[in-house]
N, C-alpha and C. Protein backbone atom coordinates (compact mmCIF):
# COMPACT_ATOMS: atom_id res chain seq x y z
N MET A 1 83.52 16.62 -78.77
CA MET A 1 83.25 17.83 -79.54
C MET A 1 84.34 18.86 -79.21
N ASP A 2 84.97 19.42 -80.31
CA ASP A 2 86.03 20.41 -80.06
C ASP A 2 85.42 21.76 -79.69
N ALA A 3 86.31 22.67 -79.23
CA ALA A 3 85.85 23.96 -78.74
C ALA A 3 85.15 24.77 -79.83
N GLY A 4 85.62 24.70 -81.09
CA GLY A 4 85.04 25.46 -82.19
C GLY A 4 83.61 25.05 -82.47
N ARG A 5 83.39 23.70 -82.52
CA ARG A 5 82.05 23.20 -82.79
C ARG A 5 81.11 23.53 -81.64
N CYS A 6 81.62 23.47 -80.43
CA CYS A 6 80.81 23.76 -79.25
C CYS A 6 80.32 25.21 -79.27
N ILE A 7 81.26 26.11 -79.60
CA ILE A 7 80.91 27.54 -79.66
C ILE A 7 79.88 27.79 -80.76
N ASN A 8 80.06 27.10 -81.90
CA ASN A 8 79.15 27.26 -83.04
C ASN A 8 77.74 26.77 -82.68
N THR A 9 77.67 25.64 -81.96
CA THR A 9 76.38 25.08 -81.54
C THR A 9 75.65 26.03 -80.60
N ILE A 10 76.42 26.60 -79.67
CA ILE A 10 75.83 27.55 -78.72
C ILE A 10 75.31 28.78 -79.45
N ALA A 11 76.07 29.25 -80.43
CA ALA A 11 75.68 30.45 -81.20
C ALA A 11 74.38 30.21 -81.96
N ILE A 12 74.26 28.99 -82.56
CA ILE A 12 73.05 28.66 -83.33
C ILE A 12 71.84 28.61 -82.40
N ALA A 13 72.03 27.98 -81.21
CA ALA A 13 70.93 27.88 -80.25
C ALA A 13 70.49 29.25 -79.77
N PHE A 14 71.47 30.11 -79.52
CA PHE A 14 71.16 31.47 -79.07
C PHE A 14 70.40 32.24 -80.13
N SER A 15 70.82 32.05 -81.40
CA SER A 15 70.18 32.74 -82.51
C SER A 15 68.73 32.30 -82.66
N ARG A 16 68.49 30.99 -82.55
CA ARG A 16 67.13 30.46 -82.66
C ARG A 16 66.26 30.97 -81.51
N SER A 17 66.84 31.01 -80.31
CA SER A 17 66.10 31.51 -79.15
C SER A 17 65.70 32.97 -79.34
N LYS A 18 66.63 33.78 -79.89
CA LYS A 18 66.36 35.19 -80.12
C LYS A 18 65.26 35.37 -81.15
N ILE A 19 65.26 34.53 -82.18
CA ILE A 19 64.22 34.60 -83.23
C ILE A 19 62.86 34.31 -82.62
N ASN A 20 62.79 33.29 -81.74
CA ASN A 20 61.52 32.92 -81.11
C ASN A 20 61.01 34.04 -80.21
N VAL A 21 61.92 34.67 -79.45
CA VAL A 21 61.54 35.77 -78.58
C VAL A 21 61.02 36.94 -79.40
N ASP A 22 61.75 37.27 -80.50
CA ASP A 22 61.32 38.37 -81.37
C ASP A 22 59.96 38.08 -81.98
N LYS A 23 59.74 36.81 -82.35
CA LYS A 23 58.47 36.42 -82.95
C LYS A 23 57.34 36.58 -81.95
N GLN A 24 57.57 36.15 -80.69
CA GLN A 24 56.56 36.28 -79.64
C GLN A 24 56.22 37.74 -79.37
N LYS A 25 57.27 38.60 -79.37
CA LYS A 25 57.03 40.03 -79.16
C LYS A 25 56.19 40.62 -80.29
N ALA A 26 56.48 40.18 -81.51
CA ALA A 26 55.75 40.69 -82.68
C ALA A 26 54.29 40.27 -82.62
N GLU A 27 54.05 39.00 -82.18
CA GLU A 27 52.69 38.50 -82.10
C GLU A 27 51.91 39.18 -81.00
N ALA A 28 52.61 39.61 -79.94
CA ALA A 28 51.95 40.25 -78.81
C ALA A 28 51.46 41.66 -79.14
N LYS A 29 52.10 42.31 -80.10
CA LYS A 29 51.73 43.67 -80.47
C LYS A 29 50.51 43.65 -81.40
N PRO A 30 49.60 44.62 -81.26
CA PRO A 30 48.44 44.68 -82.16
C PRO A 30 48.88 45.02 -83.57
N PHE A 31 48.14 44.49 -84.54
CA PHE A 31 48.48 44.74 -85.94
C PHE A 31 48.16 46.19 -86.29
N LEU A 32 49.11 46.87 -86.92
CA LEU A 32 48.92 48.26 -87.34
C LEU A 32 48.92 48.35 -88.85
N THR A 33 47.87 48.96 -89.40
CA THR A 33 47.76 49.11 -90.84
C THR A 33 48.61 50.29 -91.30
N ASP A 34 49.25 50.14 -92.44
CA ASP A 34 50.08 51.23 -92.95
C ASP A 34 49.21 52.40 -93.38
N ILE A 35 49.78 53.58 -93.39
CA ILE A 35 49.05 54.83 -93.66
C ILE A 35 48.37 54.81 -95.03
N LYS A 36 49.05 54.29 -96.02
CA LYS A 36 48.49 54.27 -97.38
C LYS A 36 47.19 53.47 -97.43
N THR A 37 47.22 52.29 -96.77
CA THR A 37 46.02 51.44 -96.75
C THR A 37 44.89 52.11 -95.99
N LEU A 38 45.22 52.75 -94.87
CA LEU A 38 44.20 53.47 -94.10
C LEU A 38 43.51 54.53 -94.95
N ARG A 39 44.31 55.28 -95.70
CA ARG A 39 43.75 56.34 -96.54
C ARG A 39 42.88 55.78 -97.65
N GLU A 40 43.32 54.68 -98.25
CA GLU A 40 42.55 54.07 -99.33
C GLU A 40 41.21 53.53 -98.81
N ARG A 41 41.26 52.88 -97.65
CA ARG A 41 40.04 52.32 -97.07
C ARG A 41 39.05 53.41 -96.69
N ALA A 42 39.57 54.53 -96.18
CA ALA A 42 38.70 55.64 -95.76
C ALA A 42 37.94 56.23 -96.93
N ARG A 43 38.55 56.17 -98.14
CA ARG A 43 37.91 56.74 -99.32
C ARG A 43 36.82 55.82 -99.89
N LYS A 44 36.92 54.53 -99.58
CA LYS A 44 35.94 53.57 -100.06
C LYS A 44 34.70 53.60 -99.16
N ASN A 45 33.55 53.38 -99.74
CA ASN A 45 32.29 53.34 -98.98
C ASN A 45 32.15 54.56 -98.06
N ILE A 46 32.48 55.73 -98.61
CA ILE A 46 32.48 56.95 -97.81
C ILE A 46 31.10 57.27 -97.25
N ALA A 47 30.05 56.76 -97.88
CA ALA A 47 28.69 57.01 -97.42
C ALA A 47 28.39 56.33 -96.09
N SER A 48 29.25 55.39 -95.69
CA SER A 48 29.04 54.67 -94.43
C SER A 48 29.41 55.49 -93.21
N GLY A 49 30.00 56.66 -93.43
CA GLY A 49 30.33 57.54 -92.31
C GLY A 49 31.33 56.92 -91.36
N GLY A 50 30.94 56.82 -90.07
CA GLY A 50 31.84 56.31 -89.05
C GLY A 50 31.95 54.79 -89.02
N VAL A 51 31.11 54.09 -89.79
CA VAL A 51 31.17 52.63 -89.84
C VAL A 51 32.23 52.24 -90.86
N THR A 52 33.46 52.07 -90.40
CA THR A 52 34.57 51.80 -91.29
C THR A 52 34.89 50.31 -91.37
N PHE A 53 35.96 50.00 -92.12
CA PHE A 53 36.39 48.63 -92.35
C PHE A 53 36.65 47.87 -91.05
N THR A 54 37.16 48.56 -90.04
CA THR A 54 37.56 47.90 -88.79
C THR A 54 36.39 47.70 -87.81
N TYR A 55 35.20 48.21 -88.15
CA TYR A 55 34.04 48.00 -87.27
C TYR A 55 33.67 46.52 -87.31
N GLN A 56 33.69 45.86 -86.16
CA GLN A 56 33.50 44.41 -86.11
C GLN A 56 32.10 43.98 -85.69
N GLY A 57 31.27 44.94 -85.30
CA GLY A 57 29.93 44.59 -84.84
C GLY A 57 28.95 44.42 -85.98
N ASP A 58 27.72 44.06 -85.62
CA ASP A 58 26.60 43.97 -86.57
C ASP A 58 25.86 45.30 -86.48
N VAL A 59 26.07 46.16 -87.48
CA VAL A 59 25.51 47.51 -87.43
C VAL A 59 23.99 47.50 -87.28
N LYS A 60 23.33 46.66 -88.05
CA LYS A 60 21.87 46.60 -88.00
C LYS A 60 21.38 46.21 -86.62
N LYS A 61 22.02 45.20 -86.04
CA LYS A 61 21.64 44.72 -84.70
C LYS A 61 21.96 45.79 -83.65
N THR A 62 23.09 46.46 -83.80
CA THR A 62 23.47 47.50 -82.85
C THR A 62 22.45 48.64 -82.84
N ILE A 63 22.03 49.06 -84.02
CA ILE A 63 21.04 50.14 -84.13
C ILE A 63 19.72 49.69 -83.50
N GLU A 64 19.33 48.45 -83.74
CA GLU A 64 18.09 47.91 -83.15
C GLU A 64 18.16 47.94 -81.62
N ILE A 65 19.30 47.53 -81.07
CA ILE A 65 19.48 47.54 -79.61
C ILE A 65 19.44 48.97 -79.07
N LEU A 66 20.12 49.87 -79.78
CA LEU A 66 20.18 51.26 -79.32
C LEU A 66 18.82 51.96 -79.42
N GLN A 67 17.98 51.53 -80.35
CA GLN A 67 16.62 52.09 -80.41
C GLN A 67 15.86 51.75 -79.13
N SER A 68 16.09 50.55 -78.61
CA SER A 68 15.47 50.15 -77.36
C SER A 68 16.04 50.95 -76.19
N VAL A 69 17.35 51.17 -76.20
CA VAL A 69 17.98 51.99 -75.17
C VAL A 69 17.44 53.42 -75.22
N LEU A 70 17.29 53.93 -76.43
CA LEU A 70 16.74 55.28 -76.62
C LEU A 70 15.33 55.37 -76.03
N ALA A 71 14.51 54.38 -76.32
CA ALA A 71 13.15 54.36 -75.80
C ALA A 71 13.15 54.32 -74.27
N THR A 72 14.06 53.54 -73.71
CA THR A 72 14.18 53.45 -72.25
C THR A 72 14.51 54.80 -71.65
N GLU A 73 15.44 55.52 -72.28
CA GLU A 73 15.84 56.83 -71.78
C GLU A 73 14.70 57.85 -71.92
N ILE A 74 13.97 57.78 -73.03
CA ILE A 74 12.83 58.69 -73.23
C ILE A 74 11.79 58.48 -72.14
N VAL A 75 11.47 57.21 -71.86
CA VAL A 75 10.49 56.90 -70.82
C VAL A 75 10.97 57.42 -69.46
N CYS A 76 12.27 57.28 -69.20
CA CYS A 76 12.83 57.78 -67.93
C CYS A 76 12.71 59.30 -67.84
N VAL A 77 12.97 59.98 -68.94
CA VAL A 77 12.83 61.45 -68.97
C VAL A 77 11.39 61.84 -68.66
N LEU A 78 10.44 61.18 -69.31
CA LEU A 78 9.02 61.50 -69.11
C LEU A 78 8.58 61.22 -67.68
N ARG A 79 9.00 60.08 -67.14
CA ARG A 79 8.58 59.70 -65.79
C ARG A 79 9.16 60.66 -64.74
N TYR A 80 10.45 60.94 -64.83
CA TYR A 80 11.08 61.85 -63.88
C TYR A 80 10.48 63.26 -63.98
N THR A 81 10.22 63.69 -65.21
CA THR A 81 9.65 65.03 -65.41
C THR A 81 8.25 65.11 -64.80
N MET A 82 7.45 64.09 -65.05
CA MET A 82 6.10 64.07 -64.49
C MET A 82 6.15 64.06 -62.97
N HIS A 83 7.05 63.28 -62.39
CA HIS A 83 7.16 63.21 -60.94
C HIS A 83 7.66 64.53 -60.36
N ALA A 84 8.58 65.19 -61.08
CA ALA A 84 9.10 66.48 -60.61
C ALA A 84 7.99 67.53 -60.54
N VAL A 85 7.01 67.39 -61.41
CA VAL A 85 5.89 68.34 -61.44
C VAL A 85 4.79 67.93 -60.45
N ALA A 86 4.50 66.64 -60.38
CA ALA A 86 3.32 66.17 -59.65
C ALA A 86 3.55 65.81 -58.19
N ALA A 87 4.81 65.64 -57.78
CA ALA A 87 5.08 65.22 -56.40
C ALA A 87 4.52 66.23 -55.41
N GLN A 88 3.89 65.72 -54.36
CA GLN A 88 3.29 66.58 -53.34
C GLN A 88 3.62 66.04 -51.96
N GLY A 89 3.54 66.92 -50.97
CA GLY A 89 3.78 66.51 -49.59
C GLY A 89 4.67 67.49 -48.87
N ILE A 90 4.74 67.34 -47.55
CA ILE A 90 5.52 68.26 -46.73
C ILE A 90 6.99 68.26 -47.12
N SER A 91 7.54 67.09 -47.41
CA SER A 91 8.97 66.96 -47.73
C SER A 91 9.22 66.76 -49.22
N SER A 92 8.30 67.23 -50.04
CA SER A 92 8.38 66.94 -51.47
C SER A 92 9.37 67.82 -52.24
N GLU A 93 9.65 69.02 -51.74
CA GLU A 93 10.46 69.96 -52.52
C GLU A 93 11.84 69.41 -52.85
N GLY A 94 12.50 68.83 -51.85
CA GLY A 94 13.83 68.25 -52.10
C GLY A 94 13.77 67.09 -53.07
N VAL A 95 12.72 66.27 -52.95
CA VAL A 95 12.55 65.12 -53.84
C VAL A 95 12.24 65.59 -55.26
N LYS A 96 11.40 66.62 -55.37
CA LYS A 96 11.07 67.18 -56.69
C LYS A 96 12.35 67.67 -57.38
N ALA A 97 13.22 68.31 -56.63
CA ALA A 97 14.48 68.81 -57.20
C ALA A 97 15.34 67.65 -57.68
N GLU A 98 15.34 66.56 -56.92
CA GLU A 98 16.11 65.36 -57.31
C GLU A 98 15.53 64.76 -58.59
N PHE A 99 14.21 64.67 -58.65
CA PHE A 99 13.56 64.16 -59.86
C PHE A 99 13.92 65.02 -61.07
N ALA A 100 13.88 66.33 -60.89
CA ALA A 100 14.17 67.25 -62.00
C ALA A 100 15.61 67.11 -62.48
N GLN A 101 16.55 66.94 -61.55
CA GLN A 101 17.95 66.77 -61.91
C GLN A 101 18.15 65.47 -62.67
N HIS A 102 17.48 64.42 -62.23
CA HIS A 102 17.58 63.14 -62.92
C HIS A 102 16.99 63.23 -64.33
N ALA A 103 15.88 63.95 -64.46
CA ALA A 103 15.27 64.13 -65.78
C ALA A 103 16.25 64.80 -66.73
N LYS A 104 16.97 65.80 -66.22
CA LYS A 104 17.96 66.51 -67.03
C LYS A 104 19.08 65.57 -67.47
N GLU A 105 19.56 64.74 -66.57
CA GLU A 105 20.66 63.82 -66.90
C GLU A 105 20.19 62.70 -67.83
N GLU A 106 18.94 62.25 -67.66
CA GLU A 106 18.40 61.24 -68.57
C GLU A 106 18.22 61.83 -69.97
N THR A 107 17.91 63.11 -70.04
CA THR A 107 17.81 63.78 -71.35
C THR A 107 19.17 63.77 -72.05
N GLU A 108 20.23 64.00 -71.29
CA GLU A 108 21.57 63.94 -71.85
C GLU A 108 21.87 62.55 -72.39
N HIS A 109 21.48 61.51 -71.64
CA HIS A 109 21.67 60.13 -72.10
C HIS A 109 20.88 59.88 -73.39
N MET A 110 19.65 60.36 -73.40
CA MET A 110 18.80 60.20 -74.58
C MET A 110 19.47 60.79 -75.82
N ASN A 111 20.02 61.97 -75.68
CA ASN A 111 20.68 62.63 -76.81
C ASN A 111 21.95 61.89 -77.24
N GLN A 112 22.69 61.37 -76.27
CA GLN A 112 23.91 60.63 -76.59
C GLN A 112 23.59 59.38 -77.39
N VAL A 113 22.57 58.67 -76.96
CA VAL A 113 22.17 57.44 -77.66
C VAL A 113 21.67 57.77 -79.06
N ALA A 114 20.86 58.82 -79.17
CA ALA A 114 20.35 59.23 -80.48
C ALA A 114 21.50 59.59 -81.42
N GLU A 115 22.50 60.30 -80.91
CA GLU A 115 23.67 60.66 -81.71
C GLU A 115 24.43 59.42 -82.16
N ARG A 116 24.53 58.42 -81.28
CA ARG A 116 25.25 57.20 -81.64
C ARG A 116 24.52 56.45 -82.75
N ILE A 117 23.20 56.39 -82.66
CA ILE A 117 22.41 55.75 -83.71
C ILE A 117 22.66 56.45 -85.04
N ASN A 118 22.68 57.77 -85.00
CA ASN A 118 22.92 58.56 -86.21
C ASN A 118 24.32 58.29 -86.77
N GLN A 119 25.31 58.19 -85.89
CA GLN A 119 26.69 57.92 -86.32
C GLN A 119 26.80 56.58 -87.04
N LEU A 120 25.97 55.62 -86.61
CA LEU A 120 26.02 54.28 -87.20
C LEU A 120 25.16 54.17 -88.46
N GLY A 121 24.58 55.29 -88.87
CA GLY A 121 23.79 55.29 -90.11
C GLY A 121 22.32 55.05 -89.91
N GLY A 122 21.85 55.03 -88.66
CA GLY A 122 20.44 54.82 -88.39
C GLY A 122 19.69 56.13 -88.16
N LYS A 123 18.39 56.01 -87.97
CA LYS A 123 17.54 57.17 -87.69
C LYS A 123 16.92 56.98 -86.31
N PRO A 124 17.28 57.82 -85.35
CA PRO A 124 16.73 57.67 -83.99
C PRO A 124 15.20 57.68 -84.01
N ASP A 125 14.61 56.72 -83.31
CA ASP A 125 13.15 56.58 -83.30
C ASP A 125 12.57 57.29 -82.08
N PHE A 126 12.05 58.50 -82.30
CA PHE A 126 11.40 59.26 -81.23
C PHE A 126 9.88 59.16 -81.32
N ASN A 127 9.38 58.31 -82.19
CA ASN A 127 7.94 58.18 -82.38
C ASN A 127 7.28 57.66 -81.10
N PRO A 128 6.31 58.40 -80.56
CA PRO A 128 5.63 57.96 -79.33
C PRO A 128 4.92 56.62 -79.50
N ALA A 129 4.47 56.34 -80.71
CA ALA A 129 3.76 55.08 -80.95
C ALA A 129 4.71 53.90 -80.71
N GLY A 130 4.31 53.01 -79.83
CA GLY A 130 5.13 51.83 -79.54
C GLY A 130 6.26 52.08 -78.57
N LEU A 131 6.34 53.28 -78.01
CA LEU A 131 7.43 53.64 -77.10
C LEU A 131 7.49 52.70 -75.89
N ALA A 132 6.33 52.42 -75.32
CA ALA A 132 6.27 51.58 -74.12
C ALA A 132 6.77 50.16 -74.37
N THR A 133 6.53 49.66 -75.58
CA THR A 133 6.95 48.29 -75.90
C THR A 133 8.44 48.22 -76.27
N ARG A 134 9.00 49.33 -76.73
CA ARG A 134 10.43 49.36 -77.09
C ARG A 134 11.32 49.54 -75.86
N ALA A 135 10.78 50.18 -74.82
CA ALA A 135 11.58 50.51 -73.65
C ALA A 135 11.70 49.33 -72.69
N ALA A 136 12.83 49.26 -72.00
CA ALA A 136 13.02 48.21 -71.01
C ALA A 136 12.28 48.53 -69.72
N SER A 137 12.22 49.82 -69.37
CA SER A 137 11.53 50.23 -68.14
C SER A 137 10.13 50.74 -68.46
N GLU A 138 9.33 50.90 -67.40
CA GLU A 138 7.93 51.31 -67.56
C GLU A 138 7.74 52.76 -67.13
N TYR A 139 6.71 53.38 -67.66
CA TYR A 139 6.40 54.77 -67.31
C TYR A 139 5.89 54.86 -65.87
N GLY A 140 5.02 53.94 -65.47
CA GLY A 140 4.52 53.89 -64.11
C GLY A 140 3.19 54.60 -63.92
N SER A 141 2.64 54.44 -62.71
CA SER A 141 1.34 55.06 -62.41
C SER A 141 1.26 55.50 -60.96
N ALA A 142 2.38 55.84 -60.37
CA ALA A 142 2.43 56.23 -58.95
C ALA A 142 1.60 57.49 -58.71
N ASP A 143 0.92 57.54 -57.55
CA ASP A 143 0.12 58.72 -57.23
C ASP A 143 0.50 59.35 -55.89
N ASN A 144 1.63 58.89 -55.30
CA ASN A 144 2.13 59.54 -54.09
C ASN A 144 3.66 59.53 -54.11
N LEU A 145 4.25 60.28 -53.23
CA LEU A 145 5.70 60.51 -53.26
C LEU A 145 6.51 59.23 -53.12
N VAL A 146 6.16 58.40 -52.16
CA VAL A 146 6.92 57.17 -51.91
C VAL A 146 6.81 56.22 -53.10
N GLU A 147 5.62 56.12 -53.67
CA GLU A 147 5.44 55.24 -54.83
C GLU A 147 6.24 55.75 -56.03
N MET A 148 6.33 57.06 -56.16
CA MET A 148 7.15 57.63 -57.23
C MET A 148 8.62 57.25 -57.06
N ILE A 149 9.10 57.35 -55.83
CA ILE A 149 10.49 56.99 -55.56
C ILE A 149 10.72 55.51 -55.87
N LYS A 150 9.79 54.66 -55.47
CA LYS A 150 9.90 53.22 -55.74
C LYS A 150 9.94 52.94 -57.23
N GLU A 151 9.03 53.59 -57.97
CA GLU A 151 8.99 53.38 -59.43
C GLU A 151 10.31 53.75 -60.07
N ASN A 152 10.88 54.87 -59.66
CA ASN A 152 12.14 55.30 -60.24
C ASN A 152 13.30 54.39 -59.84
N LEU A 153 13.27 53.90 -58.61
CA LEU A 153 14.31 52.98 -58.17
C LEU A 153 14.26 51.69 -58.97
N ILE A 154 13.06 51.16 -59.16
CA ILE A 154 12.90 49.94 -59.96
C ILE A 154 13.40 50.17 -61.39
N ALA A 155 13.01 51.31 -61.97
CA ALA A 155 13.42 51.62 -63.35
C ALA A 155 14.93 51.74 -63.46
N GLU A 156 15.56 52.34 -62.47
CA GLU A 156 17.02 52.49 -62.50
C GLU A 156 17.70 51.13 -62.37
N ARG A 157 17.16 50.27 -61.53
CA ARG A 157 17.73 48.93 -61.38
C ARG A 157 17.63 48.13 -62.68
N ILE A 158 16.52 48.30 -63.38
CA ILE A 158 16.36 47.64 -64.68
C ILE A 158 17.41 48.16 -65.66
N ALA A 159 17.57 49.49 -65.71
CA ALA A 159 18.54 50.10 -66.62
C ALA A 159 19.96 49.65 -66.31
N VAL A 160 20.31 49.60 -65.03
CA VAL A 160 21.66 49.19 -64.63
C VAL A 160 21.95 47.77 -65.09
N ASP A 161 21.03 46.84 -64.83
CA ASP A 161 21.23 45.45 -65.25
C ASP A 161 21.31 45.34 -66.77
N HIS A 162 20.42 46.04 -67.45
CA HIS A 162 20.36 45.98 -68.92
C HIS A 162 21.65 46.53 -69.54
N TYR A 163 22.12 47.66 -69.05
CA TYR A 163 23.30 48.29 -69.63
C TYR A 163 24.57 47.50 -69.32
N ARG A 164 24.63 46.87 -68.17
CA ARG A 164 25.77 46.00 -67.87
C ARG A 164 25.85 44.85 -68.86
N GLU A 165 24.70 44.26 -69.17
CA GLU A 165 24.66 43.17 -70.15
C GLU A 165 25.09 43.66 -71.53
N LEU A 166 24.62 44.84 -71.91
CA LEU A 166 24.96 45.39 -73.22
C LEU A 166 26.45 45.72 -73.32
N ILE A 167 27.04 46.20 -72.25
CA ILE A 167 28.48 46.50 -72.24
C ILE A 167 29.28 45.23 -72.50
N ARG A 168 28.87 44.14 -71.85
CA ARG A 168 29.55 42.86 -72.09
C ARG A 168 29.29 42.37 -73.52
N TYR A 169 28.09 42.61 -74.02
CA TYR A 169 27.72 42.17 -75.36
C TYR A 169 28.57 42.86 -76.43
N PHE A 170 28.73 44.17 -76.33
CA PHE A 170 29.48 44.91 -77.35
C PHE A 170 30.99 44.69 -77.24
N GLY A 171 31.50 44.57 -76.02
CA GLY A 171 32.91 44.25 -75.82
C GLY A 171 33.84 45.03 -76.73
N GLU A 172 34.72 44.30 -77.41
CA GLU A 172 35.68 44.93 -78.31
C GLU A 172 35.14 45.08 -79.74
N ASP A 173 33.96 44.51 -80.01
CA ASP A 173 33.39 44.62 -81.35
C ASP A 173 32.95 46.05 -81.66
N ASP A 174 32.51 46.77 -80.64
CA ASP A 174 32.05 48.15 -80.83
C ASP A 174 32.44 48.97 -79.60
N PRO A 175 33.72 49.33 -79.50
CA PRO A 175 34.19 50.08 -78.32
C PRO A 175 33.54 51.44 -78.17
N GLY A 176 33.10 52.05 -79.28
CA GLY A 176 32.44 53.34 -79.20
C GLY A 176 31.12 53.26 -78.45
N THR A 177 30.28 52.30 -78.84
CA THR A 177 29.00 52.10 -78.17
C THR A 177 29.20 51.63 -76.74
N ARG A 178 30.17 50.73 -76.55
CA ARG A 178 30.45 50.22 -75.20
C ARG A 178 30.86 51.35 -74.25
N THR A 179 31.75 52.22 -74.71
CA THR A 179 32.23 53.32 -73.87
C THR A 179 31.09 54.27 -73.52
N MET A 180 30.23 54.57 -74.49
CA MET A 180 29.08 55.43 -74.23
C MET A 180 28.20 54.84 -73.14
N LEU A 181 27.92 53.54 -73.26
CA LEU A 181 27.07 52.88 -72.27
C LEU A 181 27.73 52.80 -70.90
N GLN A 182 29.04 52.68 -70.88
CA GLN A 182 29.76 52.66 -69.60
C GLN A 182 29.60 53.98 -68.87
N HIS A 183 29.69 55.08 -69.60
CA HIS A 183 29.51 56.39 -68.99
C HIS A 183 28.07 56.58 -68.50
N ILE A 184 27.12 56.12 -69.30
CA ILE A 184 25.71 56.22 -68.90
C ILE A 184 25.46 55.35 -67.67
N LEU A 185 26.05 54.16 -67.65
CA LEU A 185 25.85 53.24 -66.53
C LEU A 185 26.27 53.85 -65.20
N VAL A 186 27.39 54.56 -65.20
CA VAL A 186 27.87 55.18 -63.96
C VAL A 186 26.81 56.12 -63.38
N VAL A 187 26.20 56.91 -64.26
CA VAL A 187 25.18 57.86 -63.80
C VAL A 187 23.92 57.12 -63.35
N GLU A 188 23.54 56.05 -64.07
CA GLU A 188 22.35 55.29 -63.69
C GLU A 188 22.55 54.64 -62.32
N GLU A 189 23.76 54.19 -62.03
CA GLU A 189 24.04 53.61 -60.72
C GLU A 189 23.91 54.67 -59.63
N GLU A 190 24.35 55.89 -59.94
CA GLU A 190 24.20 56.99 -58.99
C GLU A 190 22.71 57.30 -58.78
N HIS A 191 21.94 57.27 -59.85
CA HIS A 191 20.50 57.52 -59.74
C HIS A 191 19.83 56.47 -58.85
N ALA A 192 20.21 55.21 -59.06
CA ALA A 192 19.63 54.13 -58.25
C ALA A 192 19.97 54.34 -56.77
N ASN A 193 21.19 54.75 -56.51
CA ASN A 193 21.61 54.99 -55.13
C ASN A 193 20.85 56.17 -54.53
N ASP A 194 20.63 57.22 -55.33
CA ASP A 194 19.87 58.39 -54.87
C ASP A 194 18.44 57.99 -54.50
N MET A 195 17.80 57.19 -55.35
CA MET A 195 16.43 56.78 -55.10
C MET A 195 16.35 55.86 -53.88
N HIS A 196 17.36 55.01 -53.73
CA HIS A 196 17.40 54.12 -52.56
C HIS A 196 17.51 54.94 -51.28
N ASP A 197 18.37 55.97 -51.29
CA ASP A 197 18.54 56.82 -50.11
C ASP A 197 17.25 57.57 -49.78
N LEU A 198 16.57 58.04 -50.83
CA LEU A 198 15.30 58.75 -50.61
C LEU A 198 14.24 57.80 -50.02
N LEU A 199 14.25 56.57 -50.50
CA LEU A 199 13.28 55.59 -50.00
C LEU A 199 13.53 55.28 -48.53
N VAL A 200 14.80 55.12 -48.18
CA VAL A 200 15.16 54.86 -46.79
C VAL A 200 14.77 56.05 -45.93
N ALA A 201 14.99 57.26 -46.43
CA ALA A 201 14.67 58.47 -45.68
C ALA A 201 13.17 58.57 -45.41
N HIS A 202 12.35 58.09 -46.34
CA HIS A 202 10.90 58.22 -46.19
C HIS A 202 10.25 56.99 -45.56
N GLU A 203 10.90 55.82 -45.69
CA GLU A 203 10.32 54.61 -45.15
C GLU A 203 11.08 54.08 -43.93
N GLY A 204 12.28 54.58 -43.73
CA GLY A 204 13.08 54.12 -42.59
C GLY A 204 13.87 52.86 -42.85
N ARG A 205 13.62 52.22 -43.98
CA ARG A 205 14.37 51.01 -44.35
C ARG A 205 14.23 50.82 -45.86
N PRO A 206 15.20 50.13 -46.48
CA PRO A 206 15.09 49.88 -47.92
C PRO A 206 13.97 48.90 -48.21
N MET A 207 13.21 49.15 -49.26
CA MET A 207 12.07 48.29 -49.60
C MET A 207 12.42 47.24 -50.65
N LEU A 208 13.63 47.37 -51.24
CA LEU A 208 14.03 46.42 -52.26
C LEU A 208 15.37 45.81 -51.88
N PRO A 209 15.62 44.54 -52.22
CA PRO A 209 16.90 43.91 -51.88
C PRO A 209 18.03 44.47 -52.71
């Protein structure tokens, strides 16, 4: 092979290699819709609100799941509020304050979930009828301080496990709902830790694994 043909062969190979690299880079980048198409799509089905063309989840199923989450948060608000009022004992004041703070934060979660349901085109279900069956956690029946702490710890552990599963379930199909639940989860984990510390303080050892 003469020098000219050799150089030409090398040039062709280099060109093909560059094309493959450019192709791989292009495939690695996320697809971006042009502005005109975005505007046209936004004008279509305008009644759908925030549920746009790129929403990949099952809206009906998502709303159904969030109704259960809403019920769980409502039950937590009611339980913490009742405990904040009813707790008695020599060392109850600090615990009552903790219960009241948790009730306030659970109320914030409740409102966030209700807003998300509304954004997805649903109607938040605040109807007391059937609330206990829709919620993942229970209202409880504790009649002393330690039992109240235990009930809240159990409820928080249920919420933490449930929300972790839901975060994995929504994944990239519904990043809005997933992100909301991630923020709520962080607070629920803190609540569980608070209740665990209170239980240890009153019992001298943790009562749950």
